Amino acid sequence: MWTPDEIPDLTGSTAVVTGASGGIGVPTALELARHGARVVMTARDPGRGRAALEAVRAAAPGATVEVRALDLADLRSVHAFADTVEGPLELLVNNAGVGPMSRRTTADGFETQLGVNHLGHFALTGLLMPRLLAASVARVVTVSSDAHSLGVIDFENLGLERGYGMFSAYSRSKLANLLFSMELQRRADASGAALLSLATHPGMTATGILKPGVLTRPFNALMRLVVQPAAKGARPSLYAATSPDARGGQYIGPGPKVLRPSPKALDEAVAARLWERSEALTGVRFGEISQH
């Protein structure tokens, strides 16, 4: 079974890990830094970000790692963060996310789960594309979930103003993650870009994605019995980010192993339409790989 000990030497490479202030983001950043990458951790909350940075530095003395502010629920913050990234970028891990919640909207008026989990990462990836393409080979890893199989993309109700359900909204955002990841690989291939795009499913992991009160007490108790630690949940992302055996367009799950996504995640027409709507909503285009 693959373990992070098999990560190759990453010296000379730069990685950005979103949502690195908790959950699987911390062990993801830690292992990349431990194996030589210069890691930029992002955090919405400065205090949590500093605490996570200190934890990584304590576990990997001498590693080159820093934390910067990024709020994926605000496109101004996404632009501001992207402007701070310099030089070639070998790895972008779109890890941050929010879980099921009552309906609310982002600073830009997007339904929050789609706005943070998909649109914020779509915009960030597009803004960082010149940095990614400046690398000899780059990878974009987007964390999805097996919940994507329950998701539905309704282009006539994309903001879920009608019939909102917290779990259906979450599933939709995770389906959007997979559709984006697959479409990014298609467009990279069509343009001849040296870029690999992969999606991952971490499995049932002890993170803060499900807030207290979202689930019933009995279900919360059951969850505590079956969930895996964050370090194990990070393995699919780490494998996708670093393994020489990983291939663009793959969906990596626990094991790590290659999973077959739901057929709806492989619908090229829906993926292309979602890409176009995402460009229109965020105002971000992907330069030479915008066309497919």
C-alpha atoms as a PDB file:
ATOM      1  CA  MET A   1       0.000   0.000   0.000  1.00  0.00           C
ATOM      2  CA  TRP A   2       1.296   3.447  -0.963  1.00  0.00           C
ATOM      3  CA  THR A   3       2.356   5.714   1.891  1.00  0.00           C
ATOM      4  CA  PRO A   4       3.752   9.280   2.012  1.00  0.00           C
ATOM      5  CA  ASP A   5       7.206   7.773   2.530  1.00  0.00           C
ATOM      6  CA  GLU A   6       7.156   7.086  -1.220  1.00  0.00           C
ATOM      7  CA  ILE A   7       6.850  10.759  -2.145  1.00  0.00           C
ATOM      8  CA  PRO A   8       9.847  11.667  -4.315  1.00  0.00           C
ATOM      9  CA  ASP A   9      12.220  14.516  -3.574  1.00  0.00           C
ATOM     10  CA  LEU A  10      10.322  17.750  -4.251  1.00  0.00           C
ATOM     11  CA  THR A  11      13.248  20.111  -3.751  1.00  0.00           C
ATOM     12  CA  GLY A  12      13.012  23.095  -6.079  1.00  0.00           C
ATOM     13  CA  SER A  13       9.231  22.883  -6.502  1.00  0.00           C
ATOM     14  CA  THR A  14       6.551  25.196  -5.124  1.00  0.00           C
ATOM     15  CA  ALA A  15       3.142  24.049  -3.885  1.00  0.00           C
ATOM     16  CA  VAL A  16       0.022  25.949  -2.856  1.00  0.00           C
ATOM     17  CA  VAL A  17      -2.404  24.134  -0.556  1.00  0.00           C
ATOM     18  CA  THR A  18      -5.730  25.843   0.099  1.00  0.00           C
ATOM     19  CA  GLY A  19      -7.539  25.310   3.359  1.00  0.00           C
ATOM     20  CA  ALA A  20      -4.325  24.302   5.083  1.00  0.00           C
ATOM     21  CA  SER A  21      -5.383  25.495   8.521  1.00  0.00           C
ATOM     22  CA  GLY A  22      -7.139  22.262   9.441  1.00  0.00           C
ATOM     23  CA  GLY A  23      -8.499  18.916   8.289  1.00  0.00           C
ATOM     24  CA  ILE A  24      -6.530  17.107   5.600  1.00  0.00           C
ATOM     25  CA  GLY A  25      -4.914  20.378   4.536  1.00  0.00           C
ATOM     26  CA  VAL A  26      -2.398  20.287   7.386  1.00  0.00           C
ATOM     27  CA  PRO A  27      -0.983  16.782   6.702  1.00  0.00           C
ATOM     28  CA  THR A  28      -1.034  17.537   2.976  1.00  0.00           C
ATOM     29  CA  ALA A  29       1.100  20.636   3.476  1.00  0.00           C
ATOM     30  CA  LEU A  30       3.296  18.851   6.021  1.00  0.00           C
ATOM     31  CA  GLU A  31       4.230  15.925   3.777  1.00  0.00           C
ATOM     32  CA  LEU A  32       4.904  18.147   0.766  1.00  0.00           C
ATOM     33  CA  ALA A  33       7.156  20.347   2.909  1.00  0.00           C
ATOM     34  CA  ARG A  34       8.815  17.349   4.544  1.00  0.00           C
ATOM     35  CA  HIS A  35       9.818  16.085   1.090  1.00  0.00           C
ATOM     36  CA  GLY A  36      11.424  19.335   0.026  1.00  0.00           C
ATOM     37  CA  ALA A  37       8.726  21.470  -1.581  1.00  0.00           C
ATOM     38  CA  ARG A  38       8.363  25.131  -0.777  1.00  0.00           C
ATOM     39  CA  VAL A  39       4.785  25.176   0.508  1.00  0.00           C
ATOM     40  CA  VAL A  40       2.393  28.103   0.661  1.00  0.00           C
ATOM     41  CA  MET A  41      -0.435  27.258   3.025  1.00  0.00           C
ATOM     42  CA  THR A  42      -3.608  29.309   2.787  1.00  0.00           C
ATOM     43  CA  ALA A  43      -6.074  30.066   5.547  1.00  0.00           C
ATOM     44  CA  ARG A  44      -9.211  32.136   5.869  1.00  0.00           C
ATOM     45  CA  ASP A  45      -8.707  32.556   9.627  1.00  0.00           C
ATOM     46  CA  PRO A  46      -5.310  34.119  10.493  1.00  0.00           C
ATOM     47  CA  GLY A  47      -5.165  32.576  13.968  1.00  0.00           C
ATOM     48  CA  ARG A  48      -5.839  29.050  12.741  1.00  0.00           C
ATOM     49  CA  GLY A  49      -3.401  29.620   9.903  1.00  0.00           C
ATOM     50  CA  ARG A  50      -0.582  30.586  12.257  1.00  0.00           C
ATOM     51  CA  ALA A  51      -1.291  27.594  14.492  1.00  0.00           C
ATOM     52  CA  ALA A  52      -1.198  25.227  11.529  1.00  0.00           C
ATOM     53  CA  LEU A  53       2.032  26.791  10.283  1.00  0.00           C
ATOM     54  CA  GLU A  54       3.666  26.328  13.680  1.00  0.00           C
ATOM     55  CA  ALA A  55       2.530  22.688  13.752  1.00  0.00           C
ATOM     56  CA  VAL A  56       4.038  22.007  10.324  1.00  0.00           C
ATOM     57  CA  ARG A  57       7.308  23.737  11.211  1.00  0.00           C
ATOM     58  CA  ALA A  58       7.532  21.738  14.435  1.00  0.00           C
ATOM     59  CA  ALA A  59       6.995  18.459  12.584  1.00  0.00           C
ATOM     60  CA  ALA A  60       9.319  19.342   9.703  1.00  0.00           C
ATOM     61  CA  PRO A  61      12.177  21.482  11.060  1.00  0.00           C
ATOM     62  CA  GLY A  62      13.985  23.359   8.329  1.00  0.00           C
ATOM     63  CA  ALA A  63      11.114  23.060   5.856  1.00  0.00           C
ATOM     64  CA  THR A  64      10.313  26.067   3.672  1.00  0.00           C
ATOM     65  CA  VAL A  65       6.693  26.828   4.480  1.00  0.00           C
ATOM     66  CA  GLU A  66       4.561  29.911   5.003  1.00  0.00           C
ATOM     67  CA  VAL A  67       0.907  30.833   5.424  1.00  0.00           C
ATOM     68  CA  ARG A  68      -1.025  33.484   3.507  1.00  0.00           C
ATOM     69  CA  ALA A  69      -4.589  34.772   3.733  1.00  0.00           C
ATOM     70  CA  LEU A  70      -7.167  33.463   1.276  1.00  0.00           C
ATOM     71  CA  ASP A  71     -10.948  33.583   1.554  1.00  0.00           C
ATOM     72  CA  LEU A  72     -12.490  31.607  -1.289  1.00  0.00           C
ATOM     73  CA  ALA A  73     -15.873  33.150  -0.493  1.00  0.00           C
ATOM     74  CA  ASP A  74     -14.619  36.527  -1.732  1.00  0.00           C
ATOM     75  CA  LEU A  75     -13.201  36.938  -5.244  1.00  0.00           C
ATOM     76  CA  ARG A  76     -11.323  40.052  -4.146  1.00  0.00           C
ATOM     77  CA  SER A  77      -9.372  37.876  -1.720  1.00  0.00           C
ATOM     78  CA  VAL A  78      -8.772  35.279  -4.439  1.00  0.00           C
ATOM     79  CA  HIS A  79      -7.315  37.945  -6.747  1.00  0.00           C
ATOM     80  CA  ALA A  80      -5.241  39.447  -3.945  1.00  0.00           C
ATOM     81  CA  PHE A  81      -3.755  36.072  -3.023  1.00  0.00           C
ATOM     82  CA  ALA A  82      -3.022  35.124  -6.639  1.00  0.00           C
ATOM     83  CA  ASP A  83      -1.129  38.394  -7.076  1.00  0.00           C
ATOM     84  CA  THR A  84       1.297  37.329  -4.322  1.00  0.00           C
ATOM     85  CA  VAL A  85       2.337  34.088  -6.045  1.00  0.00           C
ATOM     86  CA  GLU A  86       5.548  34.504  -8.016  1.00  0.00           C
ATOM     87  CA  GLY A  87       7.642  32.229 -10.191  1.00  0.00           C
ATOM     88  CA  PRO A  88       6.725  28.798 -11.556  1.00  0.00           C
ATOM     89  CA  LEU A  89       4.117  26.848  -9.576  1.00  0.00           C
ATOM     90  CA  GLU A  90       4.466  23.090  -9.795  1.00  0.00           C
ATOM     91  CA  LEU A  91       1.513  22.111  -7.630  1.00  0.00           C
ATOM     92  CA  LEU A  92      -1.863  23.523  -6.671  1.00  0.00           C
ATOM     93  CA  VAL A  93      -3.981  21.523  -4.232  1.00  0.00           C
ATOM     94  CA  ASN A  94      -7.558  22.811  -4.239  1.00  0.00           C
ATOM     95  CA  ASN A  95      -8.304  21.395  -0.809  1.00  0.00           C
ATOM     96  CA  ALA A  96     -10.382  23.988   1.050  1.00  0.00           C
ATOM     97  CA  GLY A  97     -14.079  23.432   1.372  1.00  0.00           C
ATOM     98  CA  VAL A  98     -17.248  23.977   3.345  1.00  0.00           C
ATOM     99  CA  GLY A  99     -19.778  21.335   4.254  1.00  0.00           C
ATOM    100  CA  PRO A 100     -23.566  21.140   4.466  1.00  0.00           C
ATOM    101  CA  MET A 101     -25.076  24.316   5.903  1.00  0.00           C
ATOM    102  CA  SER A 102     -28.216  26.397   5.794  1.00  0.00           C
ATOM    103  CA  ARG A 103     -28.433  28.507   2.659  1.00  0.00           C
ATOM    104  CA  ARG A 104     -26.203  31.562   2.620  1.00  0.00           C
ATOM    105  CA  THR A 105     -24.259  33.493   0.009  1.00  0.00           C
ATOM    106  CA  THR A 106     -20.675  34.595  -0.536  1.00  0.00           C
ATOM    107  CA  ALA A 107     -19.416  38.158  -0.805  1.00  0.00           C
ATOM    108  CA  ASP A 108     -20.096  37.930  -4.533  1.00  0.00           C
ATOM    109  CA  GLY A 109     -23.639  36.611  -4.132  1.00  0.00           C
ATOM    110  CA  PHE A 110     -22.971  32.957  -4.961  1.00  0.00           C
ATOM    111  CA  GLU A 111     -24.610  30.152  -2.981  1.00  0.00           C
ATOM    112  CA  THR A 112     -21.851  29.445  -0.474  1.00  0.00           C
ATOM    113  CA  GLN A 113     -21.146  25.760  -1.032  1.00  0.00           C
ATOM    114  CA  LEU A 114     -20.856  26.167  -4.805  1.00  0.00           C
ATOM    115  CA  GLY A 115     -19.137  29.522  -4.340  1.00  0.00           C
ATOM    116  CA  VAL A 116     -16.380  28.236  -2.055  1.00  0.00           C
ATOM    117  CA  ASN A 117     -15.959  24.625  -3.134  1.00  0.00           C
ATOM    118  CA  HIS A 118     -16.135  25.209  -6.883  1.00  0.00           C
ATOM    119  CA  LEU A 119     -16.226  28.839  -8.036  1.00  0.00           C
ATOM    120  CA  GLY A 120     -13.534  30.081  -5.648  1.00  0.00           C
ATOM    121  CA  HIS A 121     -11.183  27.294  -6.719  1.00  0.00           C
ATOM    122  CA  PHE A 122     -12.101  27.741 -10.387  1.00  0.00           C
ATOM    123  CA  ALA A 123     -11.120  31.412 -10.167  1.00  0.00           C
ATOM    124  CA  LEU A 124      -7.945  30.672  -8.207  1.00  0.00           C
ATOM    125  CA  THR A 125      -6.807  28.022 -10.681  1.00  0.00           C
ATOM    126  CA  GLY A 126      -7.426  30.341 -13.617  1.00  0.00           C
ATOM    127  CA  LEU A 127      -5.564  33.225 -12.020  1.00  0.00           C
ATOM    128  CA  LEU A 128      -2.617  30.951 -11.202  1.00  0.00           C
ATOM    129  CA  MET A 129      -2.583  29.297 -14.624  1.00  0.00           C
ATOM    130  CA  PRO A 130       0.316  31.442 -15.944  1.00  0.00           C
ATOM    131  CA  ARG A 131       2.373  30.288 -12.929  1.00  0.00           C
ATOM    132  CA  LEU A 132       1.367  26.670 -13.452  1.00  0.00           C
ATOM    133  CA  LEU A 133       2.216  26.772 -17.152  1.00  0.00           C
ATOM    134  CA  ALA A 134       5.595  28.327 -16.328  1.00  0.00           C
ATOM    135  CA  ALA A 135       6.574  25.078 -14.586  1.00  0.00           C
ATOM    136  CA  SER A 136       8.072  22.246 -16.631  1.00  0.00           C
ATOM    137  CA  VAL A 137       5.206  20.026 -15.466  1.00  0.00           C
ATOM    138  CA  ALA A 138       2.427  21.142 -13.138  1.00  0.00           C
ATOM    139  CA  ARG A 139      -0.366  19.380 -11.306  1.00  0.00           C
ATOM    140  CA  VAL A 140      -3.724  20.628 -10.085  1.00  0.00           C
ATOM    141  CA  VAL A 141      -5.377  18.397  -7.495  1.00  0.00           C
ATOM    142  CA  THR A 142      -9.003  19.142  -6.627  1.00  0.00           C
ATOM    143  CA  VAL A 143     -10.584  17.496  -3.601  1.00  0.00           C
ATOM    144  CA  SER A 144     -14.054  16.160  -4.378  1.00  0.00           C
ATOM    145  CA  SER A 145     -16.101  13.445  -2.652  1.00  0.00           C
ATOM    146  CA  ASP A 146     -18.097  10.336  -3.429  1.00  0.00           C
ATOM    147  CA  ALA A 147     -21.086  12.543  -2.566  1.00  0.00           C
ATOM    148  CA  HIS A 148     -20.721  13.862  -6.122  1.00  0.00           C
ATOM    149  CA  SER A 149     -22.756  10.879  -7.328  1.00  0.00           C
ATOM    150  CA  LEU A 150     -25.841  12.417  -5.673  1.00  0.00           C
ATOM    151  CA  GLY A 151     -25.276  15.861  -7.159  1.00  0.00           C
ATOM    152  CA  VAL A 152     -27.299  17.525  -9.901  1.00  0.00           C
ATOM    153  CA  ILE A 153     -26.221  20.570 -11.921  1.00  0.00           C
ATOM    154  CA  ASP A 154     -29.373  22.555 -12.708  1.00  0.00           C
ATOM    155  CA  PHE A 155     -28.294  25.464 -14.876  1.00  0.00           C
ATOM    156  CA  GLU A 156     -31.736  27.060 -14.510  1.00  0.00           C
ATOM    157  CA  ASN A 157     -31.362  27.091 -10.710  1.00  0.00           C
ATOM    158  CA  LEU A 158     -27.607  27.290 -10.224  1.00  0.00           C
ATOM    159  CA  GLY A 159     -27.933  29.533  -7.183  1.00  0.00           C
ATOM    160  CA  LEU A 160     -30.428  27.134  -5.614  1.00  0.00           C
ATOM    161  CA  GLU A 161     -32.869  29.933  -4.892  1.00  0.00           C
ATOM    162  CA  ARG A 162     -35.584  27.268  -5.248  1.00  0.00           C
ATOM    163  CA  GLY A 163     -35.646  23.972  -3.395  1.00  0.00           C
ATOM    164  CA  TYR A 164     -32.474  24.422  -1.345  1.00  0.00           C
ATOM    165  CA  GLY A 165     -31.221  21.428   0.616  1.00  0.00           C
ATOM    166  CA  MET A 166     -27.936  21.547   2.501  1.00  0.00           C
ATOM    167  CA  PHE A 167     -26.837  18.040   1.489  1.00  0.00           C
ATOM    168  CA  SER A 168     -28.004  18.340  -2.119  1.00  0.00           C
ATOM    169  CA  ALA A 169     -26.089  21.625  -2.353  1.00  0.00           C
ATOM    170  CA  TYR A 170     -22.980  19.939  -0.971  1.00  0.00           C
ATOM    171  CA  SER A 171     -23.277  17.031  -3.426  1.00  0.00           C
ATOM    172  CA  ARG A 172     -23.738  19.487  -6.281  1.00  0.00           C
ATOM    173  CA  SER A 173     -20.573  21.378  -5.319  1.00  0.00           C
ATOM    174  CA  LYS A 174     -18.585  18.126  -5.207  1.00  0.00           C
ATOM    175  CA  LEU A 175     -19.929  17.126  -8.629  1.00  0.00           C
ATOM    176  CA  ALA A 176     -18.837  20.554  -9.879  1.00  0.00           C
ATOM    177  CA  ASN A 177     -15.339  19.848  -8.507  1.00  0.00           C
ATOM    178  CA  LEU A 178     -15.093  16.641 -10.533  1.00  0.00           C
ATOM    179  CA  LEU A 179     -16.557  18.141 -13.691  1.00  0.00           C
ATOM    180  CA  PHE A 180     -14.025  20.976 -13.417  1.00  0.00           C
ATOM    181  CA  SER A 181     -11.083  18.659 -12.821  1.00  0.00           C
ATOM    182  CA  MET A 182     -11.942  16.474 -15.823  1.00  0.00           C
ATOM    183  CA  GLU A 183     -12.607  19.450 -18.089  1.00  0.00           C
ATOM    184  CA  LEU A 184      -9.349  21.111 -17.052  1.00  0.00           C
ATOM    185  CA  GLN A 185      -7.464  18.010 -18.190  1.00  0.00           C
ATOM    186  CA  ARG A 186      -9.320  17.957 -21.518  1.00  0.00           C
ATOM    187  CA  ARG A 187      -8.465  21.596 -22.176  1.00  0.00           C
ATOM    188  CA  ALA A 188      -4.859  21.139 -21.098  1.00  0.00           C
ATOM    189  CA  ASP A 189      -4.544  18.176 -23.479  1.00  0.00           C
ATOM    190  CA  ALA A 190      -6.158  20.108 -26.319  1.00  0.00           C
ATOM    191  CA  SER A 191      -3.722  22.993 -25.886  1.00  0.00           C
ATOM    192  CA  GLY A 192      -0.680  20.781 -25.415  1.00  0.00           C
ATOM    193  CA  ALA A 193      -0.041  22.158 -21.921  1.00  0.00           C
ATOM    194  CA  ALA A 194       2.231  20.182 -19.601  1.00  0.00           C
ATOM    195  CA  LEU A 195      -0.385  20.033 -16.878  1.00  0.00           C
ATOM    196  CA  LEU A 196      -2.027  17.166 -15.012  1.00  0.00           C
ATOM    197  CA  SER A 197      -5.435  17.657 -13.414  1.00  0.00           C
ATOM    198  CA  LEU A 198      -6.653  15.062 -10.922  1.00  0.00           C
ATOM    199  CA  ALA A 199      -9.552  14.820  -8.473  1.00  0.00           C
ATOM    200  CA  THR A 200      -9.595  13.008  -5.167  1.00  0.00           C
ATOM    201  CA  HIS A 201     -11.987  11.536  -2.625  1.00  0.00           C
ATOM    202  CA  PRO A 202     -10.414  11.443   0.856  1.00  0.00           C
ATOM    203  CA  GLY A 203     -12.943   9.038   2.363  1.00  0.00           C
ATOM    204  CA  MET A 204     -14.681   9.447   5.715  1.00  0.00           C
ATOM    205  CA  THR A 205     -12.207  11.626   7.565  1.00  0.00           C
ATOM    206  CA  ALA A 206     -12.137  13.466  10.880  1.00  0.00           C
ATOM    207  CA  THR A 207     -12.285  17.076   9.701  1.00  0.00           C
ATOM    208  CA  GLY A 208     -14.381  20.133  10.462  1.00  0.00           C
ATOM    209  CA  ILE A 209     -16.433  19.800   7.269  1.00  0.00           C
ATOM    210  CA  LEU A 210     -19.518  18.719   9.237  1.00  0.00           C
ATOM    211  CA  LYS A 211     -20.302  21.273  11.914  1.00  0.00           C
ATOM    212  CA  PRO A 212     -22.004  20.468  15.216  1.00  0.00           C
ATOM    213  CA  GLY A 213     -25.757  20.423  14.846  1.00  0.00           C
ATOM    214  CA  VAL A 214     -25.752  19.378  11.198  1.00  0.00           C
ATOM    215  CA  LEU A 215     -26.092  15.682  12.059  1.00  0.00           C
ATOM    216  CA  THR A 216     -28.110  13.976  14.764  1.00  0.00           C
ATOM    217  CA  ARG A 217     -26.324  12.890  17.945  1.00  0.00           C
ATOM    218  CA  PRO A 218     -26.564   9.150  17.146  1.00  0.00           C
ATOM    219  CA  PHE A 219     -25.166   9.723  13.666  1.00  0.00           C
ATOM    220  CA  ASN A 220     -22.356  11.884  15.063  1.00  0.00           C
ATOM    221  CA  ALA A 221     -21.491   9.084  17.481  1.00  0.00           C
ATOM    222  CA  LEU A 222     -21.432   6.583  14.617  1.00  0.00           C
ATOM    223  CA  MET A 223     -19.244   8.903  12.558  1.00  0.00           C
ATOM    224  CA  ARG A 224     -16.644   9.005  15.324  1.00  0.00           C
ATOM    225  CA  LEU A 225     -16.389   5.221  15.148  1.00  0.00           C
ATOM    226  CA  VAL A 226     -15.852   4.947  11.394  1.00  0.00           C
ATOM    227  CA  VAL A 227     -13.916   8.046  10.339  1.00  0.00           C
ATOM    228  CA  GLN A 228     -10.191   7.906   9.654  1.00  0.00           C
ATOM    229  CA  PRO A 229      -7.589  10.398  10.927  1.00  0.00           C
ATOM    230  CA  ALA A 230      -6.792  13.421   8.778  1.00  0.00           C
ATOM    231  CA  ALA A 231      -3.312  12.113   7.925  1.00  0.00           C
ATOM    232  CA  LYS A 232      -4.851   9.073   6.251  1.00  0.00           C
ATOM    233  CA  GLY A 233      -7.501  11.175   4.539  1.00  0.00           C
ATOM    234  CA  ALA A 234      -4.714  13.244   2.986  1.00  0.00           C
ATOM    235  CA  ARG A 235      -3.155  10.257   1.216  1.00  0.00           C
ATOM    236  CA  PRO A 236      -5.258  10.407  -1.962  1.00  0.00           C
ATOM    237  CA  SER A 237      -4.308  14.080  -2.403  1.00  0.00           C
ATOM    238  CA  LEU A 238      -0.643  13.382  -1.739  1.00  0.00           C
ATOM    239  CA  TYR A 239      -0.600  10.455  -4.164  1.00  0.00           C
ATOM    240  CA  ALA A 240      -2.328  12.520  -6.858  1.00  0.00           C
ATOM    241  CA  ALA A 241       0.074  15.400  -6.236  1.00  0.00           C
ATOM    242  CA  THR A 242       3.334  13.458  -6.283  1.00  0.00           C
ATOM    243  CA  SER A 243       3.180   9.870  -7.532  1.00  0.00           C
ATOM    244  CA  PRO A 244       4.924   9.170 -10.858  1.00  0.00           C
ATOM    245  CA  ASP A 245       2.137   6.643 -11.489  1.00  0.00           C
ATOM    246  CA  ALA A 246      -0.682   9.199 -11.257  1.00  0.00           C
ATOM    247  CA  ARG A 247      -2.219  10.272 -14.560  1.00  0.00           C
ATOM    248  CA  GLY A 248      -4.161  13.352 -15.580  1.00  0.00           C
ATOM    249  CA  GLY A 249      -7.911  12.880 -15.506  1.00  0.00           C
ATOM    250  CA  GLN A 250      -7.814  10.288 -12.740  1.00  0.00           C
ATOM    251  CA  TYR A 251     -10.044  10.261  -9.664  1.00  0.00           C
ATOM    252  CA  ILE A 252      -8.060   8.974  -6.682  1.00  0.00           C
ATOM    253  CA  GLY A 253      -9.712   7.581  -3.575  1.00  0.00           C
ATOM    254  CA  PRO A 254      -8.720   5.873  -0.334  1.00  0.00           C
ATOM    255  CA  GLY A 255      -5.998   3.285  -0.657  1.00  0.00           C
ATOM    256  CA  PRO A 256      -4.886   5.263  -2.530  1.00  0.00           C
ATOM    257  CA  LYS A 257      -6.446   3.765  -5.637  1.00  0.00           C
ATOM    258  CA  VAL A 258      -8.016   4.945  -8.883  1.00  0.00           C
ATOM    259  CA  LEU A 259     -11.805   5.216  -8.655  1.00  0.00           C
ATOM    260  CA  ARG A 260     -14.349   5.403 -11.432  1.00  0.00           C
ATOM    261  CA  PRO A 261     -16.469   8.522 -10.976  1.00  0.00           C
ATOM    262  CA  SER A 262     -20.197   8.629 -11.506  1.00  0.00           C
ATOM    263  CA  PRO A 263     -21.182   8.840 -15.210  1.00  0.00           C
ATOM    264  CA  LYS A 264     -22.566  12.332 -14.585  1.00  0.00           C
ATOM    265  CA  ALA A 265     -19.035  13.503 -13.699  1.00  0.00           C
ATOM    266  CA  LEU A 266     -17.869  12.335 -17.134  1.00  0.00           C
ATOM    267  CA  ASP A 267     -20.529  14.263 -19.080  1.00  0.00           C
ATOM    268  CA  GLU A 268     -18.427  16.465 -21.353  1.00  0.00           C
ATOM    269  CA  ALA A 269     -21.339  18.654 -22.445  1.00  0.00           C
ATOM    270  CA  VAL A 270     -22.283  19.502 -18.855  1.00  0.00           C
ATOM    271  CA  ALA A 271     -18.626  20.064 -17.955  1.00  0.00           C
ATOM    272  CA  ALA A 272     -18.138  22.477 -20.867  1.00  0.00           C
ATOM    273  CA  ARG A 273     -21.311  24.366 -20.002  1.00  0.00           C
ATOM    274  CA  LEU A 274     -20.334  24.589 -16.327  1.00  0.00           C
ATOM    275  CA  TRP A 275     -16.902  25.890 -17.358  1.00  0.00           C
ATOM    276  CA  GLU A 276     -18.485  28.631 -19.465  1.00  0.00           C
ATOM    277  CA  ARG A 277     -20.892  29.616 -16.693  1.00  0.00           C
ATOM    278  CA  SER A 278     -18.039  29.627 -14.176  1.00  0.00           C
ATOM    279  CA  GLU A 279     -16.022  31.958 -16.414  1.00  0.00           C
ATOM    280  CA  ALA A 280     -19.015  34.282 -16.717  1.00  0.00           C
ATOM    281  CA  LEU A 281     -19.754  34.273 -12.978  1.00  0.00           C
ATOM    282  CA  THR A 282     -16.162  34.788 -11.816  1.00  0.00           C
ATOM    283  CA  GLY A 283     -14.844  36.863 -14.705  1.00  0.00           C
ATOM    284  CA  VAL A 284     -11.781  34.598 -14.825  1.00  0.00           C
ATOM    285  CA  ARG A 285     -10.528  32.944 -17.992  1.00  0.00           C
ATOM    286  CA  PHE A 286      -7.721  30.430 -18.404  1.00  0.00           C
ATOM    287  CA  GLY A 287      -5.737  32.016 -21.222  1.00  0.00           C
ATOM    288  CA  GLU A 288      -4.399  29.529 -23.727  1.00  0.00           C
ATOM    289  CA  ILE A 289      -6.324  26.590 -22.276  1.00  0.00           C
ATOM    290  CA  SER A 290      -9.714  28.335 -22.175  1.00  0.00           C
ATOM    291  CA  GLN A 291     -10.827  26.619 -25.368  1.00  0.00           C
ATOM    292  CA  HIS A 292     -11.545  22.933 -25.801  1.00  0.00           C
END
